[in-house]
N, C-alpha and C. Protein backbone atom coordinates (compact mmCIF):
# COMPACT_ATOMS: atom_id res chain seq x y z
N MET A 1 0.84 -1.18 -0.01
CA MET A 1 -0.01 0.00 0.01
C MET A 1 0.88 1.24 0.01
N ALA A 2 0.58 2.18 -0.87
CA ALA A 2 1.39 3.42 -0.94
C ALA A 2 0.99 4.37 0.14
N THR A 3 1.99 5.07 0.65
CA THR A 3 1.70 6.12 1.64
C THR A 3 1.51 7.46 0.95
N VAL A 4 0.48 8.21 1.31
CA VAL A 4 0.21 9.51 0.72
C VAL A 4 0.39 10.54 1.78
N ALA A 5 1.37 11.43 1.62
CA ALA A 5 1.58 12.48 2.61
C ALA A 5 1.03 13.80 2.02
N GLY A 6 0.64 14.68 2.94
CA GLY A 6 0.27 16.03 2.56
C GLY A 6 1.47 16.80 2.14
N LYS A 7 1.27 17.81 1.30
CA LYS A 7 2.35 18.65 0.91
C LYS A 7 2.49 19.78 1.95
N ASP A 8 3.52 19.68 2.78
CA ASP A 8 3.68 20.65 3.85
C ASP A 8 4.00 22.00 3.26
N GLY A 9 3.21 23.03 3.70
CA GLY A 9 3.40 24.40 3.22
C GLY A 9 2.77 24.65 1.84
N GLU A 10 2.12 23.66 1.31
CA GLU A 10 1.46 23.84 0.03
C GLU A 10 -0.02 23.42 0.18
N TRP A 11 -0.78 23.74 -0.87
CA TRP A 11 -2.19 23.34 -0.85
C TRP A 11 -2.34 21.88 -1.15
N ASN A 12 -3.25 21.21 -0.41
CA ASN A 12 -3.60 19.79 -0.65
C ASN A 12 -5.03 19.76 -1.06
N GLN A 13 -5.38 18.83 -1.95
CA GLN A 13 -6.73 18.73 -2.45
C GLN A 13 -7.44 17.55 -1.78
N HIS A 14 -8.59 17.85 -1.19
CA HIS A 14 -9.48 16.80 -0.60
C HIS A 14 -10.77 16.82 -1.40
N THR A 15 -11.24 15.61 -1.80
CA THR A 15 -12.56 15.47 -2.39
C THR A 15 -13.29 14.45 -1.59
N ILE A 16 -14.47 14.87 -1.04
CA ILE A 16 -15.32 13.90 -0.31
C ILE A 16 -16.70 13.95 -0.97
N ILE A 17 -17.19 12.83 -1.36
CA ILE A 17 -18.50 12.75 -1.97
C ILE A 17 -19.38 11.92 -1.09
N ALA A 18 -20.42 12.57 -0.55
CA ALA A 18 -21.36 11.90 0.34
C ALA A 18 -22.64 11.67 -0.43
N ARG A 19 -22.88 10.43 -0.85
CA ARG A 19 -24.06 10.04 -1.55
C ARG A 19 -24.68 8.82 -0.99
N GLY A 20 -25.71 9.06 -0.15
CA GLY A 20 -26.32 7.95 0.54
C GLY A 20 -25.30 7.40 1.58
N GLY A 21 -25.17 6.06 1.53
CA GLY A 21 -24.28 5.40 2.45
C GLY A 21 -22.83 5.24 1.89
N LEU A 22 -22.58 5.83 0.74
CA LEU A 22 -21.23 5.70 0.11
C LEU A 22 -20.53 7.04 0.24
N ILE A 23 -19.31 7.05 0.88
CA ILE A 23 -18.64 8.32 1.13
C ILE A 23 -17.16 8.22 0.76
N PRO A 24 -16.79 8.23 -0.53
CA PRO A 24 -15.37 8.16 -0.92
C PRO A 24 -14.62 9.43 -0.51
N HIS A 25 -13.36 9.24 -0.13
CA HIS A 25 -12.47 10.31 0.24
C HIS A 25 -11.23 10.23 -0.65
N ILE A 26 -10.96 11.30 -1.39
CA ILE A 26 -9.81 11.32 -2.31
C ILE A 26 -8.91 12.47 -1.81
N PHE A 27 -7.63 12.17 -1.65
CA PHE A 27 -6.64 13.14 -1.16
C PHE A 27 -5.51 13.21 -2.18
N ASN A 28 -5.35 14.45 -2.72
CA ASN A 28 -4.31 14.65 -3.71
C ASN A 28 -4.39 13.61 -4.83
N SER A 29 -5.57 13.42 -5.37
CA SER A 29 -5.89 12.48 -6.50
C SER A 29 -5.63 11.00 -6.12
N GLN A 30 -5.48 10.69 -4.87
CA GLN A 30 -5.28 9.30 -4.40
C GLN A 30 -6.48 8.86 -3.56
N SER A 31 -7.16 7.77 -3.98
CA SER A 31 -8.23 7.28 -3.20
C SER A 31 -7.76 6.82 -1.81
N MET A 32 -8.33 7.35 -0.78
CA MET A 32 -7.85 7.04 0.60
C MET A 32 -8.80 6.07 1.28
N ALA A 33 -10.12 6.30 1.13
CA ALA A 33 -11.08 5.41 1.81
C ALA A 33 -12.39 5.52 1.07
N VAL A 34 -13.15 4.44 1.16
CA VAL A 34 -14.54 4.41 0.56
C VAL A 34 -15.42 3.70 1.59
N PRO A 35 -15.81 4.40 2.67
CA PRO A 35 -16.72 3.81 3.67
C PRO A 35 -18.08 3.59 3.05
N VAL A 36 -18.69 2.42 3.40
CA VAL A 36 -20.05 2.08 2.96
C VAL A 36 -20.90 1.84 4.17
N ASP A 37 -22.03 2.52 4.24
CA ASP A 37 -22.98 2.28 5.36
C ASP A 37 -24.28 1.80 4.71
N ASP A 38 -24.58 0.50 4.81
CA ASP A 38 -25.72 -0.08 4.19
C ASP A 38 -26.99 0.00 5.08
N ASP A 39 -26.85 0.51 6.31
CA ASP A 39 -27.94 0.60 7.28
C ASP A 39 -28.80 1.80 6.88
N THR A 40 -30.01 1.54 6.37
CA THR A 40 -30.90 2.64 5.93
C THR A 40 -31.37 3.49 7.18
N ALA A 41 -31.29 2.93 8.36
CA ALA A 41 -31.74 3.64 9.54
C ALA A 41 -30.61 4.51 10.13
N SER A 42 -29.38 4.35 9.56
CA SER A 42 -28.24 5.09 10.08
C SER A 42 -28.36 6.60 9.87
N SER A 43 -27.81 7.35 10.80
CA SER A 43 -27.79 8.85 10.65
C SER A 43 -26.93 9.30 9.51
N ASN A 44 -26.08 8.41 8.97
CA ASN A 44 -25.24 8.76 7.84
C ASN A 44 -26.05 8.86 6.53
N ASN A 45 -27.27 8.28 6.54
CA ASN A 45 -28.07 8.18 5.31
C ASN A 45 -29.23 9.17 5.32
N VAL A 46 -29.08 10.29 6.05
CA VAL A 46 -30.14 11.30 6.05
C VAL A 46 -29.54 12.65 5.66
N SER A 47 -30.37 13.55 5.18
CA SER A 47 -29.88 14.89 4.84
C SER A 47 -29.63 15.63 6.16
N GLY A 48 -28.73 16.63 6.08
CA GLY A 48 -28.45 17.36 7.28
C GLY A 48 -27.25 18.22 7.20
N LEU A 49 -26.66 18.52 8.34
CA LEU A 49 -25.49 19.42 8.36
C LEU A 49 -24.21 18.67 8.00
N SER A 50 -23.23 19.44 7.59
CA SER A 50 -21.92 18.92 7.27
C SER A 50 -20.93 19.76 8.02
N GLY A 51 -19.76 19.21 8.38
CA GLY A 51 -18.80 19.99 9.13
C GLY A 51 -17.36 19.52 8.87
N LEU A 52 -16.44 20.35 9.24
CA LEU A 52 -15.02 20.06 9.14
C LEU A 52 -14.40 20.06 10.51
N ARG A 53 -13.49 19.12 10.75
CA ARG A 53 -12.84 18.95 12.06
C ARG A 53 -11.40 18.72 11.95
N ILE A 54 -10.62 19.40 12.80
CA ILE A 54 -9.19 19.21 12.85
C ILE A 54 -8.83 18.88 14.28
N GLU A 55 -7.85 17.94 14.44
CA GLU A 55 -7.39 17.56 15.75
C GLU A 55 -5.94 17.90 15.91
N GLY A 56 -5.50 18.25 17.10
CA GLY A 56 -4.12 18.54 17.33
C GLY A 56 -3.97 19.98 17.85
N VAL A 57 -2.96 20.19 18.67
CA VAL A 57 -2.70 21.49 19.23
C VAL A 57 -1.21 21.75 19.11
N PRO A 58 -0.70 22.82 18.60
CA PRO A 58 -1.50 23.83 17.90
C PRO A 58 -1.91 23.32 16.50
N ALA A 59 -2.92 23.92 15.95
CA ALA A 59 -3.41 23.54 14.63
C ALA A 59 -3.76 24.79 13.86
N LYS A 60 -3.46 24.80 12.61
CA LYS A 60 -3.83 25.91 11.76
C LYS A 60 -4.44 25.32 10.45
N VAL A 61 -5.63 25.78 10.12
CA VAL A 61 -6.29 25.27 8.96
C VAL A 61 -6.63 26.51 8.07
N SER A 62 -6.28 26.38 6.80
CA SER A 62 -6.67 27.40 5.81
C SER A 62 -7.45 26.72 4.73
N LEU A 63 -8.55 27.25 4.34
CA LEU A 63 -9.39 26.70 3.30
C LEU A 63 -9.39 27.64 2.09
N TRP A 64 -9.23 27.11 0.88
CA TRP A 64 -9.25 27.90 -0.32
C TRP A 64 -10.06 27.14 -1.30
N ASN A 65 -10.92 27.84 -1.99
CA ASN A 65 -11.78 27.25 -3.06
C ASN A 65 -12.64 26.15 -2.54
N LEU A 66 -13.25 26.36 -1.40
CA LEU A 66 -14.18 25.37 -0.78
C LEU A 66 -15.49 25.51 -1.45
N TRP A 67 -16.08 24.42 -1.91
CA TRP A 67 -17.43 24.53 -2.48
C TRP A 67 -18.22 23.22 -2.16
N LEU A 68 -19.46 23.41 -2.04
CA LEU A 68 -20.40 22.31 -1.81
C LEU A 68 -21.38 22.25 -2.98
N LYS A 69 -21.68 21.07 -3.43
CA LYS A 69 -22.57 20.92 -4.55
C LYS A 69 -23.59 19.79 -4.22
N LYS A 70 -24.89 20.14 -4.32
CA LYS A 70 -25.85 19.11 -4.10
C LYS A 70 -25.99 18.22 -5.36
N ILE A 71 -25.93 16.96 -5.14
CA ILE A 71 -26.05 16.01 -6.29
C ILE A 71 -27.41 15.34 -6.13
N ASP A 72 -28.27 15.48 -7.10
CA ASP A 72 -29.61 14.88 -7.07
C ASP A 72 -29.59 13.50 -7.57
């Protein structure tokens, strides 16, 4: 398995697509994870809020060209 590191001091690209119970995460054009939640009663399969979270102290996060698109 290849290791994908972020570009320190440069912009990194994250793509997260949440469509029902399928939530692929792509980091710098590399597929990182594709979690699947088949439970129709799960809170992951309902419309609602979205959020970003960072862990670690100290932490600095800069966002550039952030966009959300509803996929019907």
